[in-house]
Amino acid sequence: MNERNGITTFKGNPVTLLGPELKTGDKAPEFTAVDTSLAPVGIDTHHGKIRIISAVPSLDTPVCDTETRRFNQEAAALPDNVVLLTVSLDLPFAQKRWCGAAGIDRVITLSDYRERSFGLGYGVLIKELLLLARCIFVVDGDGVIRYIQQVPEVTSEPDYDAVIAAVKKLL
């Protein structure tokens, strides 16, 4: 298993990411996570659509809450061929509860709790915490990664405008 250091911090402390370092132009790795109904979802579930995949530590934290709400708002201005997926290690039941309370209706939340195949396949599983590092991937309709934003500090928000600009280049 690849271990990568010096890529991100958590509350100022360096952490180790497990998995490969993906690059733009790479084929998006397959993974199996579950949605809030416990149905399996992978990268090919939304084949043909542009996918914004937002990896977050936990929806029950302030920054993850803010990020997911913001992407839910941004989704309203995007066409139907763009899908927003937020992946965390939260249990699907907690994700469903959180989405209901937050009024999330455009973002699809996925839980990587079973196999951690997303975290390990996309190189965002934090070894020390067994949580996902904050990272955004934009994957085109053919399953190729076109944009990656690894947030340097896990407790910081991503650059939303840069993510949306990357998506608009694919439209």
Protein backbone atom coordinates (compact mmCIF):
# COMPACT_ATOMS: atom_id res chain seq x y z
CA MET A 1 0.00 0.00 0.00
CA ASN A 2 1.35 3.39 -1.01
CA GLU A 3 1.86 5.80 1.88
CA ARG A 4 2.23 9.46 0.97
CA ASN A 5 3.37 12.20 3.32
CA GLY A 6 3.57 15.98 3.05
CA ILE A 7 0.39 16.35 1.02
CA THR A 8 -2.10 17.52 3.62
CA THR A 9 -2.42 18.35 7.29
CA PHE A 10 -5.17 17.92 9.86
CA LYS A 11 -5.36 20.83 12.33
CA GLY A 12 -1.82 21.74 11.34
CA ASN A 13 -0.39 18.26 11.87
CA PRO A 14 0.96 16.34 8.87
CA VAL A 15 -0.95 13.14 8.04
CA THR A 16 -0.24 10.13 5.86
CA LEU A 17 -2.47 9.39 2.89
CA LEU A 18 -2.94 5.78 1.84
CA GLY A 19 -3.28 4.87 -1.81
CA PRO A 20 -1.97 6.14 -5.13
CA GLU A 21 -1.39 9.70 -6.17
CA LEU A 22 -3.86 10.21 -8.99
CA LYS A 23 -3.23 12.77 -11.70
CA THR A 24 -5.41 14.55 -14.22
CA GLY A 25 -5.71 12.40 -17.31
CA ASP A 26 -5.81 9.16 -15.27
CA LYS A 27 -8.76 6.82 -15.62
CA ALA A 28 -10.90 7.24 -12.50
CA PRO A 29 -10.49 4.10 -10.37
CA GLU A 30 -13.48 1.87 -9.78
CA PHE A 31 -14.82 1.81 -6.24
CA THR A 32 -17.81 0.47 -4.38
CA ALA A 33 -19.57 2.68 -1.86
CA VAL A 34 -23.20 2.69 -0.77
CA ASP A 35 -25.86 5.35 -1.00
CA THR A 36 -28.35 6.20 1.74
CA SER A 37 -30.55 3.26 0.72
CA LEU A 38 -27.54 0.89 1.02
CA ALA A 39 -27.44 0.38 -2.75
CA PRO A 40 -23.94 -0.06 -4.19
CA VAL A 41 -22.59 2.84 -6.23
CA GLY A 42 -19.36 3.02 -8.21
CA ILE A 43 -17.69 5.35 -10.67
CA ASP A 44 -19.58 3.78 -13.57
CA THR A 45 -22.99 4.23 -11.92
CA HIS A 46 -23.15 7.69 -13.50
CA HIS A 47 -21.24 6.86 -16.69
CA GLY A 48 -21.72 9.47 -19.38
CA LYS A 49 -22.18 12.27 -16.86
CA ILE A 50 -19.65 14.71 -15.48
CA ARG A 51 -19.02 13.76 -11.87
CA ILE A 52 -17.88 16.10 -9.13
CA ILE A 53 -16.66 13.82 -6.36
CA SER A 54 -16.11 15.53 -3.05
CA ALA A 55 -14.26 13.48 -0.43
CA VAL A 56 -14.88 14.74 3.12
CA PRO A 57 -14.06 13.47 6.62
CA SER A 58 -17.60 13.65 8.08
CA LEU A 59 -20.81 15.48 7.23
CA ASP A 60 -21.29 16.12 10.95
CA THR A 61 -18.40 18.60 11.06
CA PRO A 62 -18.73 22.32 10.31
CA VAL A 63 -16.51 22.49 7.21
CA CYS A 64 -17.98 19.34 5.61
CA ASP A 65 -21.45 20.66 6.35
CA THR A 66 -20.64 24.01 4.73
CA GLU A 67 -18.95 22.38 1.72
CA THR A 68 -21.79 19.99 0.98
CA ARG A 69 -24.42 22.72 1.35
CA ARG A 70 -22.43 24.95 -0.99
CA PHE A 71 -22.10 22.23 -3.65
CA ASN A 72 -25.83 21.56 -3.29
CA GLN A 73 -26.47 25.24 -4.12
CA GLU A 74 -23.96 25.22 -7.00
CA ALA A 75 -25.68 22.16 -8.47
CA ALA A 76 -28.85 24.16 -9.08
CA ALA A 77 -27.02 26.17 -11.75
CA LEU A 78 -25.46 23.14 -13.46
CA PRO A 79 -27.07 21.08 -16.22
CA ASP A 80 -28.51 17.61 -15.65
CA ASN A 81 -25.44 15.90 -17.07
CA VAL A 82 -23.44 16.95 -13.98
CA VAL A 83 -23.71 14.78 -10.85
CA LEU A 84 -22.37 15.78 -7.44
CA LEU A 85 -21.22 12.97 -5.17
CA THR A 86 -20.00 13.49 -1.62
CA VAL A 87 -18.12 10.55 -0.16
CA SER A 88 -17.34 10.07 3.52
CA LEU A 89 -16.96 7.25 5.99
CA ASP A 90 -20.15 8.29 7.77
CA LEU A 91 -22.70 5.49 7.96
CA PRO A 92 -25.43 5.74 5.31
CA PHE A 93 -28.05 6.20 8.05
CA ALA A 94 -26.20 9.24 9.41
CA GLN A 95 -25.82 10.64 5.88
CA LYS A 96 -29.54 10.24 5.24
CA ARG A 97 -30.41 11.95 8.53
CA TRP A 98 -27.97 14.78 7.84
CA CYS A 99 -29.23 15.32 4.26
CA GLY A 100 -32.82 15.46 5.48
CA ALA A 101 -31.99 17.99 8.18
CA ALA A 102 -29.85 20.09 5.82
CA GLY A 103 -32.31 20.01 2.92
CA ILE A 104 -29.76 18.46 0.57
CA ASP A 105 -31.51 17.47 -2.65
CA ARG A 106 -28.87 17.80 -5.38
CA VAL A 107 -25.82 16.09 -3.84
CA ILE A 108 -25.73 12.30 -3.64
CA THR A 109 -23.99 11.16 -0.47
CA LEU A 110 -22.02 7.93 -0.52
CA SER A 111 -20.57 5.96 2.37
CA ASP A 112 -17.19 4.27 1.97
CA TYR A 113 -17.48 2.58 5.37
CA ARG A 114 -17.61 -1.03 4.13
CA GLU A 115 -14.50 -1.45 2.02
CA ARG A 116 -12.85 1.96 2.01
CA SER A 117 -12.32 1.26 -1.69
CA PHE A 118 -12.88 4.90 -2.62
CA GLY A 119 -10.45 6.20 -0.01
CA LEU A 120 -7.77 3.66 -0.88
CA GLY A 121 -8.33 3.78 -4.64
CA TYR A 122 -8.26 7.57 -4.84
CA GLY A 123 -5.42 7.99 -2.33
CA VAL A 124 -7.36 10.03 0.21
CA LEU A 125 -7.65 7.71 3.24
CA ILE A 126 -5.84 9.26 6.21
CA LYS A 127 -3.83 6.52 7.89
CA GLU A 128 -3.78 8.11 11.34
CA LEU A 129 -7.51 8.91 11.50
CA LEU A 130 -9.12 6.43 9.11
CA LEU A 131 -11.09 9.32 7.66
CA LEU A 132 -11.04 10.74 4.15
CA ALA A 133 -8.92 13.78 3.38
CA ARG A 134 -10.72 16.71 1.79
CA CYS A 135 -10.24 16.39 -1.96
CA ILE A 136 -12.30 17.15 -5.05
CA PHE A 137 -12.17 15.15 -8.27
CA VAL A 138 -13.89 16.13 -11.50
CA VAL A 139 -14.41 13.13 -13.75
CA ASP A 140 -15.66 13.47 -17.31
CA GLY A 141 -18.38 11.36 -18.94
CA ASP A 142 -15.80 8.82 -20.14
CA GLY A 143 -14.40 8.25 -16.64
CA VAL A 144 -11.22 10.30 -17.01
CA ILE A 145 -10.10 12.57 -14.16
CA ARG A 146 -10.00 16.12 -15.51
CA TYR A 147 -9.40 18.08 -12.30
CA ILE A 148 -8.10 17.35 -8.80
CA GLN A 149 -8.06 19.70 -5.84
CA GLN A 150 -6.28 18.22 -2.81
CA VAL A 151 -7.05 20.69 -0.03
CA PRO A 152 -3.77 21.26 1.87
CA GLU A 153 -5.47 21.50 5.29
CA VAL A 154 -8.30 19.05 5.92
CA THR A 155 -10.17 21.55 8.10
CA SER A 156 -10.24 24.18 5.30
CA GLU A 157 -12.83 24.59 2.58
CA PRO A 158 -11.98 23.89 -1.05
CA ASP A 159 -11.82 26.54 -3.76
CA TYR A 160 -15.39 26.18 -5.02
CA ASP A 161 -14.94 28.59 -7.93
CA ALA A 162 -12.00 26.56 -9.30
CA VAL A 163 -14.07 23.36 -9.14
CA ILE A 164 -17.04 24.92 -10.96
CA ALA A 165 -14.70 26.46 -13.56
CA ALA A 166 -13.20 23.01 -14.21
CA VAL A 167 -16.68 21.55 -14.70
CA LYS A 168 -17.73 24.37 -17.05
CA LYS A 169 -14.72 23.60 -19.29
CA LEU A 170 -16.22 20.14 -19.83
CA LEU A 171 -19.72 21.36 -20.72
